[in-house]
Amino acid sequence: MLENIITSKDNSIIKLYQKLSSSKKERLQYGLFVLEGLRIVQDALREKSGLSHLIFTADAYEKYSDMLFQADLRNTRVVVISNELGKKIASTDNTQGIFAVCRMLVDKKPLFRENGRYIVLHCLQDPGNLGMIIRTADALGIDGIILCGCCDLYSPKVIRSTMGSVFRADIFIENDENRLFELLEKNGVLSSAAVIDSGAQLLTECSFEGTHAVFIGNEGNGLPPELSQRCSRRIIIPMNGNINSLNAAMAAGIIMWELRK
């Protein structure tokens, strides 16, 4: 029989979890974000990603507590909550009853590798797109992802969409465009702007020799013309028929595949 099960929604850990789940401001203030689901919590534990709290419902504890013996939890507080409370804090309809509070990843500057391949995501606003691109970049072995003016990396929807890749991919945030271009120039990084323009160079005919970064723009408007002009060149994905644009995540996947060829 489990003891000390948290049942009150006014418990300090529950209130913290809900604040972090619903508010970017709170996430930034505490330097923490939340996870929900067995797989992503296991990924966080496997990658030693700094969990401050590991939260089980009573049913989930009986089912999944073996993981406690396989992970380093010296800096992690493990708590058990009632099944009813788990349903209240869950962001999914059929929760597995396992949650975590995680310390934010270190906000570091990119370390550009010789002949590295990078993508720069500019003003992406759809959490699902951002998460899917991070997952695809992880799968294809992209050396780094730079976010500039994008939606919150640590929102539950983005984190869930990465399927754990957020803990493996090298992700950097630089919201100042001028600083970003200075950084690329300082490190000898060539840049390409993905655009919808018949005058741009076909992606399939591009060489990506040297260290290279490709800019991918906002879902609705693409890259601003003034930004694409600052890049070394402009590139376009060849498309048939009357189609002249793709979903941002799909376009990013095609571009990243070409980058790694």
Foldseek 3Di string as FASTA:
>chain_A
DDPPAAEDCPPPVNVLQLCQQPDPVSCVVVQKHKAFDDQQVVLCQVLVQAWQEKEFEPVLCVVPVVVVVVGPCPNYHYHYYHPVSLCVSDPDNDGSGIMTMGGHDDADDDDFDKLAEEEEEEAAEDLLLLLLLLLLCLVLVHQEYEYANYPDCRHHSNSVNVSNSVSVHHYHYDHDLVVVVVVCVVVVEAEEEEDQDPPFAELVPDDSGIHYYYYFYYQPPTDDPVSRVSGPGYYYHDDDDPDRDDGRSVVSSVNSVSSSD
